[in-house]
Amino acid sequence: MNSDLAMVVGIVLAVLSIPSILSAVTDRRSPRVSAITIMIAGGLIVYALRENPGRYSFENLPDVFVSVAANLLH
């Protein structure tokens, strides 16, 4: 897996699991699936950071998202 793709998928999974966590907490349920999703997302992000240590910063993330989208659409 490309490290850029791993970073983008990890960030998207982490962002999409936030509503699920909040819903579980407000309903007084344990967020099991959300916790697993967050761990998978964290693993993907750590993988991407270990593959390219200096590549990712907050300034570069929009470029990474655009390059992954361009690769998927091309």
PDB file of N, CA and C in Angstrom:
ATOM      1  N   MET A   1       0.857  -1.179   0.000  1.00  0.00           N
ATOM      2  CA  MET A   1       0.000   0.000   0.000  1.00  0.00           C
ATOM      3  C   MET A   1       0.895   1.231   0.000  1.00  0.00           C
ATOM      4  N   ASN A   2       0.537   2.185  -0.800  1.00  0.00           N
ATOM      5  CA  ASN A   2       1.234   3.448  -0.871  1.00  0.00           C
ATOM      6  C   ASN A   2       1.077   4.187   0.461  1.00  0.00           C
ATOM      7  N   SER A   3       2.146   4.821   0.936  1.00  0.00           N
ATOM      8  CA  SER A   3       2.064   5.494   2.229  1.00  0.00           C
ATOM      9  C   SER A   3       1.114   6.691   2.188  1.00  0.00           C
ATOM     10  N   ASP A   4       1.029   7.363   1.049  1.00  0.00           N
ATOM     11  CA  ASP A   4       0.073   8.475   0.934  1.00  0.00           C
ATOM     12  C   ASP A   4      -1.360   7.964   1.057  1.00  0.00           C
ATOM     13  N   LEU A   5      -1.646   6.842   0.413  1.00  0.00           N
ATOM     14  CA  LEU A   5      -2.982   6.258   0.499  1.00  0.00           C
ATOM     15  C   LEU A   5      -3.277   5.807   1.925  1.00  0.00           C
ATOM     16  N   ALA A   6      -2.290   5.239   2.593  1.00  0.00           N
ATOM     17  CA  ALA A   6      -2.476   4.820   3.984  1.00  0.00           C
ATOM     18  C   ALA A   6      -2.779   6.022   4.875  1.00  0.00           C
ATOM     19  N   MET A   7      -2.088   7.121   4.646  1.00  0.00           N
ATOM     20  CA  MET A   7      -2.326   8.331   5.442  1.00  0.00           C
ATOM     21  C   MET A   7      -3.738   8.861   5.215  1.00  0.00           C
ATOM     22  N   VAL A   8      -4.155   8.934   3.973  1.00  0.00           N
ATOM     23  CA  VAL A   8      -5.482   9.479   3.655  1.00  0.00           C
ATOM     24  C   VAL A   8      -6.582   8.574   4.206  1.00  0.00           C
ATOM     25  N   VAL A   9      -6.450   7.267   4.011  1.00  0.00           N
ATOM     26  CA  VAL A   9      -7.462   6.341   4.529  1.00  0.00           C
ATOM     27  C   VAL A   9      -7.498   6.393   6.054  1.00  0.00           C
ATOM     28  N   GLY A  10      -6.343   6.483   6.684  1.00  0.00           N
ATOM     29  CA  GLY A  10      -6.300   6.576   8.141  1.00  0.00           C
ATOM     30  C   GLY A  10      -6.983   7.833   8.668  1.00  0.00           C
ATOM     31  N   ILE A  11      -6.721   8.952   8.031  1.00  0.00           N
ATOM     32  CA  ILE A  11      -7.347  10.208   8.469  1.00  0.00           C
ATOM     33  C   ILE A  11      -8.853  10.171   8.239  1.00  0.00           C
ATOM     34  N   VAL A  12      -9.278   9.664   7.096  1.00  0.00           N
ATOM     35  CA  VAL A  12     -10.710   9.596   6.793  1.00  0.00           C
ATOM     36  C   VAL A  12     -11.419   8.660   7.778  1.00  0.00           C
ATOM     37  N   LEU A  13     -10.828   7.499   8.057  1.00  0.00           N
ATOM     38  CA  LEU A  13     -11.434   6.583   9.036  1.00  0.00           C
ATOM     39  C   LEU A  13     -11.528   7.219  10.417  1.00  0.00           C
ATOM     40  N   ALA A  14     -10.481   7.925  10.822  1.00  0.00           N
ATOM     41  CA  ALA A  14     -10.494   8.569  12.136  1.00  0.00           C
ATOM     42  C   ALA A  14     -11.580   9.637  12.213  1.00  0.00           C
ATOM     43  N   VAL A  15     -11.707  10.429  11.180  1.00  0.00           N
ATOM     44  CA  VAL A  15     -12.717  11.494  11.177  1.00  0.00           C
ATOM     45  C   VAL A  15     -14.125  10.907  11.151  1.00  0.00           C
ATOM     46  N   LEU A  16     -14.327   9.853  10.358  1.00  0.00           N
ATOM     47  CA  LEU A  16     -15.660   9.265  10.262  1.00  0.00           C
ATOM     48  C   LEU A  16     -16.073   8.497  11.509  1.00  0.00           C
ATOM     49  N   SER A  17     -15.132   8.100  12.342  1.00  0.00           N
ATOM     50  CA  SER A  17     -15.492   7.366  13.548  1.00  0.00           C
ATOM     51  C   SER A  17     -15.841   8.289  14.717  1.00  0.00           C
ATOM     52  N   ILE A  18     -15.552   9.567  14.602  1.00  0.00           N
ATOM     53  CA  ILE A  18     -15.864  10.503  15.687  1.00  0.00           C
ATOM     54  C   ILE A  18     -17.366  10.568  15.971  1.00  0.00           C
ATOM     55  N   PRO A  19     -18.245  10.702  14.969  1.00  0.00           N
ATOM     56  CA  PRO A  19     -19.685  10.702  15.284  1.00  0.00           C
ATOM     57  C   PRO A  19     -20.154   9.405  15.946  1.00  0.00           C
ATOM     58  N   SER A  20     -19.575   8.293  15.551  1.00  0.00           N
ATOM     59  CA  SER A  20     -19.942   7.020  16.152  1.00  0.00           C
ATOM     60  C   SER A  20     -19.535   6.967  17.624  1.00  0.00           C
ATOM     61  N   ILE A  21     -18.382   7.487  17.939  1.00  0.00           N
ATOM     62  CA  ILE A  21     -17.931   7.537  19.331  1.00  0.00           C
ATOM     63  C   ILE A  21     -18.848   8.437  20.150  1.00  0.00           C
ATOM     64  N   LEU A  22     -19.154   9.608  19.615  1.00  0.00           N
ATOM     65  CA  LEU A  22     -20.027  10.531  20.339  1.00  0.00           C
ATOM     66  C   LEU A  22     -21.420   9.945  20.539  1.00  0.00           C
ATOM     67  N   SER A  23     -21.938   9.249  19.534  1.00  0.00           N
ATOM     68  CA  SER A  23     -23.245   8.619  19.655  1.00  0.00           C
ATOM     69  C   SER A  23     -23.238   7.537  20.725  1.00  0.00           C
ATOM     70  N   ALA A  24     -22.199   6.744  20.756  1.00  0.00           N
ATOM     71  CA  ALA A  24     -22.100   5.681  21.755  1.00  0.00           C
ATOM     72  C   ALA A  24     -21.983   6.257  23.160  1.00  0.00           C
ATOM     73  N   VAL A  25     -21.217   7.304  23.298  1.00  0.00           N
ATOM     74  CA  VAL A  25     -21.039   7.908  24.629  1.00  0.00           C
ATOM     75  C   VAL A  25     -22.332   8.549  25.109  1.00  0.00           C
ATOM     76  N   THR A  26     -23.051   9.232  24.223  1.00  0.00           N
ATOM     77  CA  THR A  26     -24.290   9.880  24.655  1.00  0.00           C
ATOM     78  C   THR A  26     -25.391   8.867  24.958  1.00  0.00           C
ATOM     79  N   ASP A  27     -25.364   7.707  24.303  1.00  0.00           N
ATOM     80  CA  ASP A  27     -26.342   6.655  24.583  1.00  0.00           C
ATOM     81  C   ASP A  27     -25.907   5.729  25.717  1.00  0.00           C
ATOM     82  N   ARG A  28     -24.787   6.046  26.328  1.00  0.00           N
ATOM     83  CA  ARG A  28     -24.213   5.260  27.427  1.00  0.00           C
ATOM     84  C   ARG A  28     -23.939   3.813  27.017  1.00  0.00           C
ATOM     85  N   ARG A  29     -23.390   3.673  25.809  1.00  0.00           N
ATOM     86  CA  ARG A  29     -22.934   2.374  25.323  1.00  0.00           C
ATOM     87  C   ARG A  29     -21.417   2.422  25.209  1.00  0.00           C
ATOM     88  N   SER A  30     -20.794   1.260  25.178  1.00  0.00           N
ATOM     89  CA  SER A  30     -19.345   1.265  24.975  1.00  0.00           C
ATOM     90  C   SER A  30     -19.056   1.338  23.473  1.00  0.00           C
ATOM     91  N   PRO A  31     -18.142   2.205  23.083  1.00  0.00           N
ATOM     92  CA  PRO A  31     -17.850   2.387  21.652  1.00  0.00           C
ATOM     93  C   PRO A  31     -16.851   1.344  21.141  1.00  0.00           C
ATOM     94  N   ARG A  32     -17.255   0.083  21.098  1.00  0.00           N
ATOM     95  CA  ARG A  32     -16.337  -0.997  20.712  1.00  0.00           C
ATOM     96  C   ARG A  32     -15.889  -0.879  19.265  1.00  0.00           C
ATOM     97  N   VAL A  33     -16.839  -0.798  18.356  1.00  0.00           N
ATOM     98  CA  VAL A  33     -16.500  -0.742  16.930  1.00  0.00           C
ATOM     99  C   VAL A  33     -15.736   0.536  16.621  1.00  0.00           C
ATOM    100  N   SER A  34     -16.135   1.624  17.241  1.00  0.00           N
ATOM    101  CA  SER A  34     -15.442   2.892  17.019  1.00  0.00           C
ATOM    102  C   SER A  34     -14.011   2.834  17.526  1.00  0.00           C
ATOM    103  N   ALA A  35     -13.804   2.181  18.637  1.00  0.00           N
ATOM    104  CA  ALA A  35     -12.451   2.050  19.176  1.00  0.00           C
ATOM    105  C   ALA A  35     -11.577   1.211  18.249  1.00  0.00           C
ATOM    106  N   ILE A  36     -12.140   0.151  17.705  1.00  0.00           N
ATOM    107  CA  ILE A  36     -11.383  -0.674  16.764  1.00  0.00           C
ATOM    108  C   ILE A  36     -11.061   0.121  15.510  1.00  0.00           C
ATOM    109  N   THR A  37     -12.026   0.905  15.041  1.00  0.00           N
ATOM    110  CA  THR A  37     -11.800   1.728  13.848  1.00  0.00           C
ATOM    111  C   THR A  37     -10.720   2.770  14.100  1.00  0.00           C
ATOM    112  N   ILE A  38     -10.733   3.375  15.267  1.00  0.00           N
ATOM    113  CA  ILE A  38      -9.696   4.353  15.611  1.00  0.00           C
ATOM    114  C   ILE A  38      -8.325   3.686  15.671  1.00  0.00           C
ATOM    115  N   MET A  39      -8.251   2.470  16.196  1.00  0.00           N
ATOM    116  CA  MET A  39      -6.969   1.762  16.256  1.00  0.00           C
ATOM    117  C   MET A  39      -6.464   1.422  14.852  1.00  0.00           C
ATOM    118  N   ILE A  40      -7.351   1.013  13.964  1.00  0.00           N
ATOM    119  CA  ILE A  40      -6.958   0.743  12.581  1.00  0.00           C
ATOM    120  C   ILE A  40      -6.476   2.030  11.912  1.00  0.00           C
ATOM    121  N   ALA A  41      -7.206   3.112  12.120  1.00  0.00           N
ATOM    122  CA  ALA A  41      -6.812   4.400  11.544  1.00  0.00           C
ATOM    123  C   ALA A  41      -5.459   4.843  12.081  1.00  0.00           C
ATOM    124  N   GLY A  42      -5.263   4.687  13.372  1.00  0.00           N
ATOM    125  CA  GLY A  42      -3.970   5.035  13.963  1.00  0.00           C
ATOM    126  C   GLY A  42      -2.847   4.190  13.410  1.00  0.00           C
ATOM    127  N   GLY A  43      -3.114   2.914  13.204  1.00  0.00           N
ATOM    128  CA  GLY A  43      -2.103   2.041  12.623  1.00  0.00           C
ATOM    129  C   GLY A  43      -1.726   2.459  11.217  1.00  0.00           C
ATOM    130  N   LEU A  44      -2.721   2.837  10.417  1.00  0.00           N
ATOM    131  CA  LEU A  44      -2.434   3.305   9.060  1.00  0.00           C
ATOM    132  C   LEU A  44      -1.636   4.597   9.067  1.00  0.00           C
ATOM    133  N   ILE A  45      -1.966   5.498   9.974  1.00  0.00           N
ATOM    134  CA  ILE A  45      -1.245   6.766  10.061  1.00  0.00           C
ATOM    135  C   ILE A  45       0.196   6.531  10.521  1.00  0.00           C
ATOM    136  N   VAL A  46       0.380   5.667  11.513  1.00  0.00           N
ATOM    137  CA  VAL A  46       1.734   5.354  11.987  1.00  0.00           C
ATOM    138  C   VAL A  46       2.543   4.684  10.887  1.00  0.00           C
ATOM    139  N   TYR A  47       1.910   3.767  10.137  1.00  0.00           N
ATOM    140  CA  TYR A  47       2.586   3.119   9.015  1.00  0.00           C
ATOM    141  C   TYR A  47       3.077   4.160   8.008  1.00  0.00           C
ATOM    142  N   ALA A  48       2.208   5.099   7.660  1.00  0.00           N
ATOM    143  CA  ALA A  48       2.582   6.130   6.686  1.00  0.00           C
ATOM    144  C   ALA A  48       3.701   7.009   7.221  1.00  0.00           C
ATOM    145  N   LEU A  49       3.648   7.346   8.504  1.00  0.00           N
ATOM    146  CA  LEU A  49       4.703   8.189   9.086  1.00  0.00           C
ATOM    147  C   LEU A  49       6.036   7.460   9.158  1.00  0.00           C
ATOM    148  N   ARG A  50       6.020   6.147   9.373  1.00  0.00           N
ATOM    149  CA  ARG A  50       7.263   5.381   9.429  1.00  0.00           C
ATOM    150  C   ARG A  50       7.862   5.175   8.039  1.00  0.00           C
ATOM    151  N   GLU A  51       7.031   5.060   7.018  1.00  0.00           N
ATOM    152  CA  GLU A  51       7.532   4.860   5.660  1.00  0.00           C
ATOM    153  C   GLU A  51       8.194   6.129   5.112  1.00  0.00           C
ATOM    154  N   ASN A  52       7.589   7.271   5.368  1.00  0.00           N
ATOM    155  CA  ASN A  52       8.130   8.563   4.913  1.00  0.00           C
ATOM    156  C   ASN A  52       8.146   9.532   6.088  1.00  0.00           C
ATOM    157  N   PRO A  53       9.200   9.526   6.889  1.00  0.00           N
ATOM    158  CA  PRO A  53       9.198  10.328   8.125  1.00  0.00           C
ATOM    159  C   PRO A  53       9.053  11.835   7.922  1.00  0.00           C
ATOM    160  N   GLY A  54       9.678  12.401   6.913  1.00  0.00           N
ATOM    161  CA  GLY A  54       9.631  13.851   6.750  1.00  0.00           C
ATOM    162  C   GLY A  54       8.595  14.333   5.764  1.00  0.00           C
ATOM    163  N   ARG A  55       7.808  13.452   5.226  1.00  0.00           N
ATOM    164  CA  ARG A  55       6.874  13.794   4.147  1.00  0.00           C
ATOM    165  C   ARG A  55       5.636  14.514   4.634  1.00  0.00           C
ATOM    166  N   TYR A  56       5.137  14.158   5.800  1.00  0.00           N
ATOM    167  CA  TYR A  56       3.821  14.623   6.220  1.00  0.00           C
ATOM    168  C   TYR A  56       3.920  15.723   7.270  1.00  0.00           C
ATOM    169  N   SER A  57       3.248  16.814   6.975  1.00  0.00           N
ATOM    170  CA  SER A  57       3.067  17.906   7.927  1.00  0.00           C
ATOM    171  C   SER A  57       1.691  18.506   7.643  1.00  0.00           C
ATOM    172  N   PHE A  58       1.248  19.398   8.485  1.00  0.00           N
ATOM    173  CA  PHE A  58      -0.069  19.984   8.275  1.00  0.00           C
ATOM    174  C   PHE A  58      -0.133  20.770   6.968  1.00  0.00           C
ATOM    175  N   GLU A  59       0.983  21.328   6.536  1.00  0.00           N
ATOM    176  CA  GLU A  59       1.002  22.084   5.293  1.00  0.00           C
ATOM    177  C   GLU A  59       0.911  21.162   4.078  1.00  0.00           C
ATOM    178  N   ASN A  60       1.415  19.933   4.194  1.00  0.00           N
ATOM    179  CA  ASN A  60       1.456  19.010   3.059  1.00  0.00           C
ATOM    180  C   ASN A  60       0.216  18.134   2.943  1.00  0.00           C
ATOM    181  N   LEU A  61      -0.602  18.055   3.965  1.00  0.00           N
ATOM    182  CA  LEU A  61      -1.749  17.149   3.925  1.00  0.00           C
ATOM    183  C   LEU A  61      -2.738  17.446   2.802  1.00  0.00           C
ATOM    184  N   PRO A  62      -3.055  18.703   2.501  1.00  0.00           N
ATOM    185  CA  PRO A  62      -3.946  18.932   1.347  1.00  0.00           C
ATOM    186  C   PRO A  62      -3.351  18.413   0.035  1.00  0.00           C
ATOM    187  N   ASP A  63      -2.041  18.567  -0.137  1.00  0.00           N
ATOM    188  CA  ASP A  63      -1.394  18.055  -1.342  1.00  0.00           C
ATOM    189  C   ASP A  63      -1.452  16.533  -1.396  1.00  0.00           C
ATOM    190  N   VAL A  64      -1.323  15.889  -0.250  1.00  0.00           N
ATOM    191  CA  VAL A  64      -1.397  14.432  -0.192  1.00  0.00           C
ATOM    192  C   VAL A  64      -2.800  13.967  -0.570  1.00  0.00           C
ATOM    193  N   PHE A  65      -3.822  14.627  -0.044  1.00  0.00           N
ATOM    194  CA  PHE A  65      -5.201  14.274  -0.377  1.00  0.00           C
ATOM    195  C   PHE A  65      -5.460  14.442  -1.877  1.00  0.00           C
ATOM    196  N   VAL A  66      -4.979  15.546  -2.451  1.00  0.00           N
ATOM    197  CA  VAL A  66      -5.191  15.793  -3.880  1.00  0.00           C
ATOM    198  C   VAL A  66      -4.454  14.764  -4.721  1.00  0.00           C
ATOM    199  N   SER A  67      -3.224  14.418  -4.340  1.00  0.00           N
ATOM    200  CA  SER A  67      -2.474  13.443  -5.132  1.00  0.00           C
ATOM    201  C   SER A  67      -3.104  12.055  -5.071  1.00  0.00           C
ATOM    202  N   VAL A  68      -3.639  11.670  -3.912  1.00  0.00           N
ATOM    203  CA  VAL A  68      -4.317  10.384  -3.794  1.00  0.00           C
ATOM    204  C   VAL A  68      -5.599  10.386  -4.621  1.00  0.00           C
ATOM    205  N   ALA A  69      -6.347  11.476  -4.573  1.00  0.00           N
ATOM    206  CA  ALA A  69      -7.575  11.562  -5.377  1.00  0.00           C
ATOM    207  C   ALA A  69      -7.250  11.519  -6.855  1.00  0.00           C
ATOM    208  N   ALA A  70      -6.195  12.199  -7.261  1.00  0.00           N
ATOM    209  CA  ALA A  70      -5.792  12.202  -8.678  1.00  0.00           C
ATOM    210  C   ALA A  70      -5.363  10.806  -9.112  1.00  0.00           C
ATOM    211  N   ASN A  71      -4.636  10.086  -8.247  1.00  0.00           N
ATOM    212  CA  ASN A  71      -4.224   8.720  -8.588  1.00  0.00           C
ATOM    213  C   ASN A  71      -5.425   7.779  -8.685  1.00  0.00           C
ATOM    214  N   LEU A  72      -6.412   7.965  -7.839  1.00  0.00           N
ATOM    215  CA  LEU A  72      -7.587   7.106  -7.890  1.00  0.00           C
ATOM    216  C   LEU A  72      -8.453   7.393  -9.113  1.00  0.00           C
ATOM    217  N   LEU A  73      -8.512   8.643  -9.532  1.00  0.00           N
ATOM    218  CA  LEU A  73      -9.349   9.015 -10.668  1.00  0.00           C
ATOM    219  C   LEU A  73      -8.646   8.799 -12.001  1.00  0.00           C
ATOM    220  N   HIS A  74      -7.353   8.708 -11.958  1.00  0.00           N
ATOM    221  CA  HIS A  74      -6.582   8.543 -13.206  1.00  0.00           C
ATOM    222  C   HIS A  74      -6.517   7.136 -13.574  1.00  0.00           C
TER     223      HIS A  74
END
